[in-house]
Protein backbone atom coordinates (compact mmCIF):
# COMPACT_ATOMS: atom_id res chain seq x y z
CA UNK A 1 153.29 128.35 2.82
CA UNK A 2 151.70 125.22 5.13
CA UNK A 3 148.31 124.81 4.32
CA UNK A 4 146.00 125.58 7.87
CA UNK A 5 143.87 122.59 6.49
CA UNK A 6 144.35 118.57 7.36
CA UNK A 7 144.26 116.48 4.85
CA UNK A 8 141.00 115.22 3.17
CA UNK A 9 142.19 111.68 4.07
CA UNK A 10 142.49 112.77 7.67
CA UNK A 11 138.78 113.95 7.40
CA UNK A 12 137.59 110.70 5.65
CA UNK A 13 138.96 108.57 7.93
CA UNK A 14 137.78 110.18 11.27
CA UNK A 15 134.35 110.23 9.05
CA UNK A 16 134.16 106.57 8.37
CA UNK A 17 135.44 105.51 11.83
CA UNK A 18 132.55 107.68 13.47
CA UNK A 19 130.01 106.26 11.00
CA UNK A 20 130.88 102.96 11.87
CA UNK A 21 130.96 103.28 15.67
CA UNK A 22 127.14 104.92 15.22
CA UNK A 23 126.52 101.76 12.75
CA UNK A 24 127.63 99.11 15.47
CA UNK A 25 125.93 101.57 18.39
CA UNK A 26 122.44 101.35 16.30
CA UNK A 27 123.09 97.65 15.87
CA UNK A 28 123.66 96.81 19.24
CA UNK A 29 120.48 98.67 20.30
CA UNK A 30 118.62 96.88 18.01
CA UNK A 31 120.04 93.93 19.06
CA UNK A 32 119.02 94.43 22.67
CA UNK A 33 115.38 95.87 22.15
CA UNK A 34 114.33 92.65 19.47
CA UNK A 35 115.87 90.26 21.91
CA UNK A 36 114.15 91.77 24.96
CA UNK A 37 111.13 92.02 23.30
CA UNK A 38 111.16 88.40 22.19
CA UNK A 39 111.61 87.35 25.85
CA UNK A 40 108.41 89.53 26.69
CA UNK A 41 106.35 88.81 24.41
CA UNK A 42 107.10 85.47 21.56
CA UNK A 43 107.62 86.18 18.37
CA UNK A 44 107.53 89.92 19.17
CA UNK A 45 111.55 90.64 17.89
CA UNK A 46 111.31 88.41 14.73
CA UNK A 47 108.75 90.66 13.31
CA UNK A 48 111.87 92.74 11.62
CA UNK A 49 113.75 89.60 10.08
CA UNK A 50 110.99 86.74 10.33
CA UNK A 51 107.79 88.54 9.63
CA UNK A 52 105.68 85.39 8.86
CA UNK A 53 107.14 83.18 11.68
CA UNK A 54 106.85 86.28 14.29
CA UNK A 55 103.08 86.28 13.23
CA UNK A 56 102.45 83.05 13.80
CA UNK A 57 104.13 82.76 16.96
CA UNK A 58 102.95 86.29 18.30
CA UNK A 59 99.09 85.27 17.07
CA UNK A 60 99.29 82.26 19.06
CA UNK A 61 100.34 83.66 22.60
CA UNK A 62 97.59 86.48 22.19
CA UNK A 63 94.67 83.65 21.56
CA UNK A 64 96.12 82.04 24.51
CA UNK A 65 96.24 85.24 26.67
CA UNK A 66 92.75 86.17 25.54
CA UNK A 67 91.55 82.38 26.09
CA UNK A 68 93.15 82.90 29.36
CA UNK A 69 91.98 85.63 30.67
CA UNK A 70 88.51 84.87 29.55
CA UNK A 71 88.56 81.49 31.43
CA UNK A 72 89.78 83.05 34.47
CA UNK A 73 87.12 86.14 34.24
CA UNK A 74 84.70 83.60 34.03
CA UNK A 75 85.89 81.15 36.77
CA UNK A 76 87.82 82.99 39.26
CA UNK A 77 90.11 81.31 41.67
CA UNK A 78 88.09 78.10 41.49
CA UNK A 79 88.78 78.03 37.36
CA UNK A 80 92.77 77.87 38.46
CA UNK A 81 91.63 75.26 41.08
CA UNK A 82 89.76 72.98 38.68
CA UNK A 83 92.82 72.34 36.63
CA UNK A 84 94.77 72.10 39.65
CA UNK A 85 92.87 69.09 40.92
CA UNK A 86 92.35 67.18 37.52
CA UNK A 87 94.99 64.85 36.53
CA UNK A 88 93.52 64.73 32.94
CA UNK A 89 94.08 68.92 32.80
CA UNK A 90 97.37 68.52 34.31
CA UNK A 91 98.66 65.40 31.70
CA UNK A 92 97.52 68.39 29.16
CA UNK A 93 99.19 71.09 30.97
CA UNK A 94 102.60 69.43 30.83
CA UNK A 95 103.40 68.91 27.51
CA UNK A 96 101.70 72.39 26.35
CA UNK A 97 103.98 74.06 28.39
CA UNK A 98 107.23 72.42 27.36
CA UNK A 99 106.36 73.01 23.57
CA UNK A 100 104.99 76.77 24.68
CA UNK A 101 108.28 77.22 26.14
CA UNK A 102 110.37 75.74 23.44
CA UNK A 103 109.00 77.55 21.08
CA UNK A 104 109.18 80.93 23.09
CA UNK A 105 113.23 80.06 23.59
CA UNK A 106 113.96 79.51 19.66
CA UNK A 107 111.91 82.74 19.54
CA UNK A 108 114.65 84.54 21.72
CA UNK A 109 117.62 82.78 20.48
CA UNK A 110 116.60 83.13 16.54
CA UNK A 111 115.95 86.91 17.44
CA UNK A 112 119.33 86.72 19.02
CA UNK A 113 121.37 85.47 16.33
CA UNK A 114 119.56 87.43 13.53
CA UNK A 115 120.41 90.67 14.77
CA UNK A 116 123.65 90.14 16.16
CA UNK A 117 126.33 93.06 14.91
CA UNK A 118 128.29 91.81 11.93
CA UNK A 119 131.77 91.56 12.97
CA UNK A 120 130.76 92.09 16.84
CA UNK A 121 133.92 90.69 18.68
CA UNK A 122 135.71 91.17 22.27
CA UNK A 123 133.68 92.25 25.17
CA UNK A 124 130.08 93.64 23.54
CA UNK A 125 130.09 90.08 21.80
CA UNK A 126 130.02 87.98 24.80
CA UNK A 127 127.83 90.52 26.67
CA UNK A 128 125.42 90.17 24.01
CA UNK A 129 125.64 86.15 24.53
CA UNK A 130 125.11 86.60 28.11
CA UNK A 131 122.22 88.64 27.37
CA UNK A 132 120.37 85.77 25.19
CA UNK A 133 120.97 83.39 27.48
CA UNK A 134 119.75 84.98 30.36
CA UNK A 135 116.60 86.17 28.68
CA UNK A 136 116.19 82.18 27.74
CA UNK A 137 116.55 81.46 31.76
CA UNK A 138 113.84 84.03 32.31
CA UNK A 139 111.32 81.67 30.27
CA UNK A 140 112.91 78.07 30.74
CA UNK A 141 112.81 78.44 34.90
CA UNK A 142 109.22 79.29 35.39
CA UNK A 143 108.30 76.87 33.05
CA UNK A 144 110.49 74.15 34.75
CA UNK A 145 108.93 74.90 37.63
CA UNK A 146 105.29 74.77 36.48
CA UNK A 147 106.13 71.40 35.19
CA UNK A 148 108.01 70.31 37.98
CA UNK A 149 104.65 71.36 40.27
CA UNK A 150 102.21 69.91 37.66
CA UNK A 151 104.28 66.36 38.02
CA UNK A 152 104.16 66.92 41.48
CA UNK A 153 100.36 67.56 41.86
CA UNK A 154 99.89 64.88 39.21
CA UNK A 155 101.29 62.06 41.37
CA UNK A 156 99.79 63.35 44.64
CA UNK A 157 96.35 62.87 43.46
CA UNK A 158 96.56 59.61 41.95
CA UNK A 159 98.61 58.20 45.48
CA UNK A 160 96.52 60.29 48.08
CA UNK A 161 92.63 60.26 46.72
CA UNK A 162 90.68 57.52 45.80
CA UNK A 163 89.06 57.00 41.96
CA UNK A 164 85.46 55.82 43.45
CA UNK A 165 83.12 57.46 45.80
CA UNK A 166 82.63 55.20 48.89
CA UNK A 167 79.34 53.70 48.84
CA UNK A 168 76.30 55.29 49.99
CA UNK A 169 78.43 58.45 50.17
CA UNK A 170 76.94 61.88 49.12
CA UNK A 171 78.81 63.89 46.42
CA UNK A 172 78.88 66.61 44.38
CA UNK A 173 76.50 66.76 41.31
CA UNK A 174 76.66 68.57 38.27
CA UNK A 175 75.11 72.23 37.79
CA UNK A 176 75.95 75.73 39.20
CA UNK A 177 75.65 74.35 42.61
CA UNK A 178 77.25 71.23 42.55
CA UNK A 179 76.40 70.40 46.48
CA UNK A 180 72.16 72.23 45.83
CA UNK A 181 70.43 69.35 47.92
CA UNK A 182 73.28 68.20 50.31
CA UNK A 183 72.23 69.17 53.74
CA UNK A 184 75.29 67.88 55.65
CA UNK A 185 78.70 65.98 54.35
CA UNK A 186 80.81 63.94 57.20
CA UNK A 187 84.16 63.36 57.24
CA UNK A 188 85.92 61.11 60.21
CA UNK A 189 89.65 62.12 60.35
CA UNK A 190 91.65 59.65 62.60
CA UNK A 191 94.83 60.36 63.58
CA UNK A 192 96.98 56.68 63.02
CA UNK A 193 99.71 55.63 65.28
CA UNK A 194 101.07 53.43 63.03
CA UNK A 195 105.03 53.12 62.60
CA UNK A 196 108.07 51.39 63.89
CA UNK A 197 107.48 49.16 67.25
CA UNK A 198 103.87 49.42 67.21
CA UNK A 199 101.89 45.99 66.46
CA UNK A 200 98.86 47.25 64.36
CA UNK A 201 97.07 50.41 64.23
CA UNK A 202 95.09 52.06 66.83
CA UNK A 203 93.54 55.85 66.60
CA UNK A 204 95.29 58.42 68.54
CA UNK A 205 92.65 60.86 67.38
CA UNK A 206 89.60 60.35 66.66
CA UNK A 207 86.91 63.10 65.21
CA UNK A 208 84.52 63.78 62.41
CA UNK A 209 83.66 67.01 60.73
CA UNK A 210 80.11 67.68 59.93
CA UNK A 211 80.01 70.39 56.96
CA UNK A 212 77.02 72.20 55.99
CA UNK A 213 78.22 72.42 52.12
CA UNK A 214 76.07 75.82 51.60
CA UNK A 215 76.97 77.82 55.01
CA UNK A 216 80.97 76.34 55.34
CA UNK A 217 79.64 75.95 59.21
CA UNK A 218 81.24 73.18 60.60
CA UNK A 219 80.85 71.05 63.94
CA UNK A 220 83.73 68.81 65.15
CA UNK A 221 82.93 66.06 66.99
CA UNK A 222 85.78 64.42 69.47
CA UNK A 223 84.93 60.69 70.12
CA UNK A 224 87.13 59.75 73.32
CA UNK A 225 89.65 56.65 72.94
CA UNK A 226 88.74 55.33 75.94
CA UNK A 227 84.96 55.11 75.35
CA UNK A 228 83.46 51.87 76.07
CA UNK A 229 80.19 49.69 75.00
CA UNK A 230 80.90 50.32 71.31
CA UNK A 231 77.65 49.77 69.03
CA UNK A 232 77.62 48.32 65.92
CA UNK A 233 75.06 48.38 63.07
CA UNK A 234 72.85 45.13 62.29
CA UNK A 235 74.68 45.30 58.82
CA UNK A 236 78.26 44.55 60.65
CA UNK A 237 79.18 41.16 60.58
CA UNK A 238 80.89 41.53 64.35
CA UNK A 239 77.28 42.25 65.77
CA UNK A 240 76.38 38.60 65.56
CA UNK A 241 79.57 38.27 67.46
CA UNK A 242 78.71 41.16 69.60
CA UNK A 243 74.93 41.72 69.86
CA UNK A 244 75.09 44.03 72.71
CA UNK A 245 77.97 45.92 71.85
CA UNK A 246 81.52 45.72 71.98
CA UNK A 247 81.46 45.33 75.84
CA UNK A 248 83.93 43.75 78.13
CA UNK A 249 85.24 46.45 80.06
CA UNK A 250 88.47 48.45 79.59
CA UNK A 251 90.09 45.77 77.51
CA UNK A 252 87.05 46.57 74.74
CA UNK A 253 87.81 50.31 74.01
CA UNK A 254 87.18 52.50 71.00
CA UNK A 255 90.83 52.97 70.78
CA UNK A 256 90.91 48.90 69.96
CA UNK A 257 88.29 48.95 67.12
CA UNK A 258 90.76 49.20 64.39
CA UNK A 259 92.53 46.29 65.83
CA UNK A 260 89.12 44.22 66.30
CA UNK A 261 88.63 44.61 62.64
CA UNK A 262 91.76 43.47 61.49
CA UNK A 263 91.83 40.01 63.77
CA UNK A 264 88.35 39.22 61.95
CA UNK A 265 89.28 40.33 58.57
CA UNK A 266 87.38 37.09 57.39
CA UNK A 267 84.21 38.72 58.26
CA UNK A 268 84.74 41.45 55.48
CA UNK A 269 86.21 39.98 52.22
CA UNK A 270 85.16 42.77 50.32
CA UNK A 271 86.97 45.27 52.09
CA UNK A 272 90.65 46.20 51.86
CA UNK A 273 91.10 47.41 55.41
CA UNK A 274 88.75 45.97 57.70
CA UNK A 275 89.93 47.96 60.67
CA UNK A 276 88.86 51.13 59.09
CA UNK A 277 85.57 49.64 57.56
CA UNK A 278 84.62 48.66 61.33
CA UNK A 279 85.98 52.06 62.97
CA UNK A 280 83.83 53.87 60.29
CA UNK A 281 80.78 51.80 61.21
CA UNK A 282 81.34 52.11 64.96
CA UNK A 283 81.67 56.12 64.59
CA UNK A 284 78.44 56.24 62.57
CA UNK A 285 76.45 54.38 65.47
CA UNK A 286 77.81 56.70 68.28
CA UNK A 287 77.17 59.77 66.60
CA UNK A 288 74.27 58.82 64.73
CA UNK A 289 75.54 60.29 61.46
CA UNK A 290 76.50 58.66 58.42
CA UNK A 291 80.27 59.45 57.71
CA UNK A 292 80.56 59.94 54.11
CA UNK A 293 84.43 60.09 53.69
CA UNK A 294 87.58 59.53 55.81
CA UNK A 295 91.12 60.89 56.45
CA UNK A 296 93.35 58.69 57.92
CA UNK A 297 97.23 61.03 59.05
CA UNK A 298 100.14 59.02 59.71
CA UNK A 299 100.94 60.57 62.81
CA UNK A 300 104.76 59.73 62.39
CA UNK A 301 104.74 62.31 59.55
CA UNK A 302 101.94 64.88 61.37
CA UNK A 303 105.60 66.78 62.18
CA UNK A 304 106.40 66.78 58.47
CA UNK A 305 103.19 68.28 57.47
CA UNK A 306 103.36 71.15 60.06
CA UNK A 307 106.75 71.85 59.36
CA UNK A 308 105.93 71.68 55.36
CA UNK A 309 103.11 74.33 56.54
CA UNK A 310 105.40 77.04 57.87
CA UNK A 311 104.24 76.07 61.61
CA UNK A 312 101.06 76.44 62.92
CA UNK A 313 99.84 79.55 65.07
CA UNK A 314 98.39 78.12 68.64
CA UNK A 315 96.92 79.75 71.82
CA UNK A 316 98.31 77.27 74.23
CA UNK A 317 96.07 77.41 77.43
CA UNK A 318 98.05 75.13 79.74
CA UNK A 319 101.48 73.72 79.93
CA UNK A 320 102.26 70.68 78.30
CA UNK A 321 104.89 68.31 78.90
CA UNK A 322 107.24 66.97 75.79
CA UNK A 323 108.90 63.54 75.93
CA UNK A 324 106.51 62.33 78.91
CA UNK A 325 104.73 59.33 79.72
CA UNK A 326 103.13 57.45 82.61
CA UNK A 327 104.68 54.61 84.47
CA UNK A 328 103.47 51.97 85.87
CA UNK A 329 102.72 54.08 89.25
CA UNK A 330 101.00 56.88 87.57
CA UNK A 331 103.66 58.89 87.80
CA UNK A 332 105.13 61.23 85.08
CA UNK A 333 108.15 60.41 84.16
CA UNK A 334 110.34 61.26 80.96
CA UNK A 335 110.18 65.10 80.42
CA UNK A 336 112.47 66.85 78.43
CA UNK A 337 110.89 70.18 78.25
CA UNK A 338 107.47 71.97 78.02
CA UNK A 339 105.30 74.02 75.60
CA UNK A 340 104.22 77.08 77.94
CA UNK A 341 101.13 79.18 77.42
CA UNK A 342 100.50 82.15 75.50
CA UNK A 343 100.32 82.43 71.28
CA UNK A 344 102.96 81.04 69.37
CA UNK A 345 103.87 79.22 66.46
CA UNK A 346 104.64 75.87 66.86
CA UNK A 347 106.81 73.70 64.54
CA UNK A 348 106.03 70.34 63.51
CA UNK A 349 107.81 68.45 66.65
CA UNK A 350 106.12 70.62 69.06
CA UNK A 351 102.73 70.78 67.22
CA UNK A 352 102.74 67.07 67.82
CA UNK A 353 103.72 67.12 70.99
CA UNK A 354 101.05 69.46 71.78
CA UNK A 355 98.36 67.30 70.15
CA UNK A 356 99.38 64.15 71.36
CA UNK A 357 100.80 64.86 75.48
CA UNK A 358 98.79 63.30 77.64
CA UNK A 359 100.55 62.59 80.95
CA UNK A 360 100.93 65.43 82.99
CA UNK A 361 97.38 67.06 82.11
CA UNK A 362 94.71 66.50 84.72
CA UNK A 363 92.22 65.50 81.85
CA UNK A 364 94.16 63.32 80.62
CA UNK A 365 92.70 61.88 77.48
CA UNK A 366 90.31 64.49 77.72
CA UNK A 367 92.62 67.58 77.60
CA UNK A 368 94.39 65.80 74.80
CA UNK A 369 91.27 65.73 72.68
CA UNK A 370 90.70 69.54 73.03
CA UNK A 371 94.07 70.22 72.05
CA UNK A 372 93.95 68.10 69.14
CA UNK A 373 90.52 69.88 67.97
CA UNK A 374 92.46 72.65 68.29
CA UNK A 375 94.76 71.87 66.14
CA UNK A 376 93.04 70.60 63.21
CA UNK A 377 90.96 74.19 63.27
CA UNK A 378 94.27 75.88 63.49
CA UNK A 379 95.11 74.08 60.33
CA UNK A 380 92.03 74.64 58.84
CA UNK A 381 92.15 78.41 58.99
CA UNK A 382 95.59 78.89 58.27
CA UNK A 383 95.94 77.49 55.17
CA UNK A 384 97.56 79.99 53.33
CA UNK A 385 97.73 79.20 49.20
CA UNK A 386 100.41 81.36 48.65
CA UNK A 387 102.56 79.81 51.12
CA UNK A 388 101.43 76.43 50.52
CA UNK A 389 102.81 76.75 46.62
CA UNK A 390 106.23 78.25 48.01
CA UNK A 391 106.54 75.05 49.62
CA UNK A 392 104.37 72.74 47.61
CA UNK A 393 106.84 70.02 47.17
CA UNK A 394 107.58 69.23 50.44
CA UNK A 395 104.14 69.58 51.67
CA UNK A 396 103.28 67.12 48.65
CA UNK A 397 105.95 64.62 49.59
CA UNK A 398 104.78 64.51 53.43
CA UNK A 399 100.91 63.99 52.14
CA UNK A 400 101.57 61.18 49.58
CA UNK A 401 103.71 59.27 52.30
CA UNK A 402 101.26 60.39 55.30
CA UNK A 403 97.66 60.87 54.36
CA UNK A 404 95.00 59.16 52.63
CA UNK A 405 91.45 60.49 51.31
CA UNK A 406 89.05 58.56 49.88
CA UNK A 407 87.48 61.74 48.19
CA UNK A 408 87.53 60.51 44.20
CA UNK A 409 89.95 62.79 42.06
CA UNK A 410 87.10 63.32 39.94
CA UNK A 411 85.56 65.20 43.24
CA UNK A 412 88.30 67.12 43.99
CA UNK A 413 87.16 70.59 42.43
CA UNK A 414 83.84 70.72 44.06
CA UNK A 415 85.56 69.59 47.68
CA UNK A 416 88.46 72.30 46.79
CA UNK A 417 85.19 74.82 46.53
CA UNK A 418 83.69 73.31 49.73
CA UNK A 419 86.87 74.04 51.38
CA UNK A 420 87.12 77.69 50.58
CA UNK A 421 83.24 77.87 51.37
CA UNK A 422 84.52 76.54 54.83
CA UNK A 423 87.12 79.14 55.34
CA UNK A 424 84.92 82.07 54.18
CA UNK A 425 82.26 81.13 56.20
CA UNK A 426 84.83 81.38 59.34
CA UNK A 427 82.26 79.17 61.72
CA UNK A 428 84.05 76.12 62.80
CA UNK A 429 82.34 74.89 66.27
CA UNK A 430 83.40 71.81 68.45
CA UNK A 431 81.73 69.40 70.42
CA UNK A 432 84.11 66.87 72.53
CA UNK A 433 82.39 63.94 74.05
CA UNK A 434 84.09 63.86 77.35
CA UNK A 435 83.80 63.03 80.87
CA UNK A 436 82.30 66.21 81.42
CA UNK A 437 79.01 65.70 79.40
CA UNK A 438 78.75 61.87 79.06
CA UNK A 439 80.02 58.63 81.11
CA UNK A 440 82.51 56.92 78.98
CA UNK A 441 81.84 53.65 80.62
CA UNK A 442 78.45 53.15 80.30
CA UNK A 443 77.47 56.23 77.53
CA UNK A 444 73.90 56.80 76.98
CA UNK A 445 73.71 56.71 73.42
CA UNK A 446 70.55 58.13 72.85
CA UNK A 447 71.56 61.55 74.61
CA UNK A 448 74.86 61.73 72.55
CA UNK A 449 72.43 61.64 69.45
CA UNK A 450 70.44 64.05 70.73
CA UNK A 451 73.72 66.36 71.61
CA UNK A 452 74.91 65.95 67.87
CA UNK A 453 71.34 66.95 67.00
CA UNK A 454 71.73 70.04 68.81
CA UNK A 455 75.32 71.01 67.54
CA UNK A 456 74.29 70.32 64.42
CA UNK A 457 70.89 72.31 64.18
CA UNK A 458 70.74 74.50 67.49
CA UNK A 459 67.32 75.20 69.20
CA UNK A 460 66.21 78.84 68.84
CA UNK A 461 66.58 80.59 71.88
CA UNK A 462 64.16 80.95 74.49
CA UNK A 463 63.24 83.95 76.63
CA UNK A 464 62.30 83.60 80.42
CA UNK A 465 59.10 84.86 80.92
CA UNK A 466 59.17 87.65 83.34
CA UNK A 467 57.52 88.48 86.51
CA UNK A 468 56.05 91.68 87.57
CA UNK A 469 57.15 91.25 90.92
CA UNK A 470 60.69 90.29 92.59
CA UNK A 471 61.20 87.20 94.29
CA UNK A 472 63.40 86.51 97.39
CA UNK A 473 63.89 82.96 97.01
CA UNK A 474 66.80 81.64 96.55
CA UNK A 475 68.17 79.03 93.91
CA UNK A 476 67.80 75.52 94.75
CA UNK A 477 71.18 73.56 93.50
CA UNK A 478 69.33 72.03 90.63
CA UNK A 479 69.01 75.34 89.38
CA UNK A 480 72.92 75.89 88.67
CA UNK A 481 73.87 74.05 85.41
CA UNK A 482 76.23 71.36 86.16
CA UNK A 483 79.36 71.38 84.35
CA UNK A 484 77.89 68.23 81.95
CA UNK A 485 74.92 70.85 81.13
CA UNK A 486 77.20 73.49 80.19
CA UNK A 487 79.08 71.22 78.09
CA UNK A 488 76.47 69.70 76.28
CA UNK A 489 76.40 72.55 73.33
CA UNK A 490 78.59 73.15 70.85
CA UNK A 491 80.88 76.36 70.81
CA UNK A 492 83.48 78.16 68.92
CA UNK A 493 86.60 75.93 68.38
CA UNK A 494 88.74 79.16 69.08
CA UNK A 495 86.96 79.22 72.64
CA UNK A 496 88.25 75.56 73.70
CA UNK A 497 91.87 76.21 72.80
């Protein structure tokens, strides 16, 4: 009679195969778990096979993490910015990141190798190798990007900013409040039209940003290019040539002052840029403000700058022609398009024409000055650290090629804090010097200085005295504010756009 039971050997074979399968599955789970652990926390997956090595790597990671958290909690966003604007700090960051990433990746590879199931082959083995490779990429990619950004920033700081503070310029001091005791910081903003086909440099835009470092309140003063009778300080050698100011009619305009300085470079042997030196001096005399720092932007690169920022949102108030210019008879020619009124996001090309176009504007240069101030205010208000980080390589390249700032690099962290204060204060006012409030041919500089003083420190409003009985008298024309009178005070920059 045949046995109803299977041979013992068959049971034994099935049991071994099942046990082997379960062991292989267990080893695979351990491989993936420990490799993932070493990916998330460096050295964690090594604790099973290389306990001491894993403990050292893990301890180093924990210490570094705790120190970083304490630093960020103590310093906040400014702590991160301080590292980002210091070439010395960046010089340390780059090799530290490289070494940390190398150790982290070594831990992942070693964990994977130590826990690879014996005899694994075929698709399971390939899957495990691919998993470990992807784990390494998760560490290498952000580390490489960090090193790349740090190297770009290191180069940018060295090429755009100066090493020494300009002579006589106010600057941050040490201590908890680096700007304590500083009433105003004045920055000259110049848009340079230097480029192919142009001889010399003529500032296309001339503005001064006067900043209260405590509140962030900022006043933008616009100076017209066609201003005449330009004053120089007594210490300026050109004052001997032009004792009554740079005054020879429409051939001696503010826009020619830079070229004037370059033409008399021999009078400024200690200045690497006589044109900028003379322009800075003239602006100081026009506004009666000590110009501390200067930012020069080459307008050929302005298009790239706006594009690198992702565009700029502007509330366009009037149609602005593109490609237009005035011919000898004063007719507008060459128009290829228009920027229409309304709130819109302008790319670099349209932002440049919005800032520079003047041919079709009724007020010519003065309308352009208003639009330039609007553009500066919009760029300041719309700078977003997150989007700037995403676009940073292109932005940094554009800045290196087209922007020069004489802020010393050792002051950059305090200046970064000042920019944040300006944005948080959200108070940027504007006082343009135009034909509405000054005579550009024969300017009254005493009056201009009073206008500047009142824009920076507005007088307290006074209430009109009331009378007990109504009056039936008709106001005389002199009682109605004239256009020039209503244009003397600084206004919110958003209201002028």
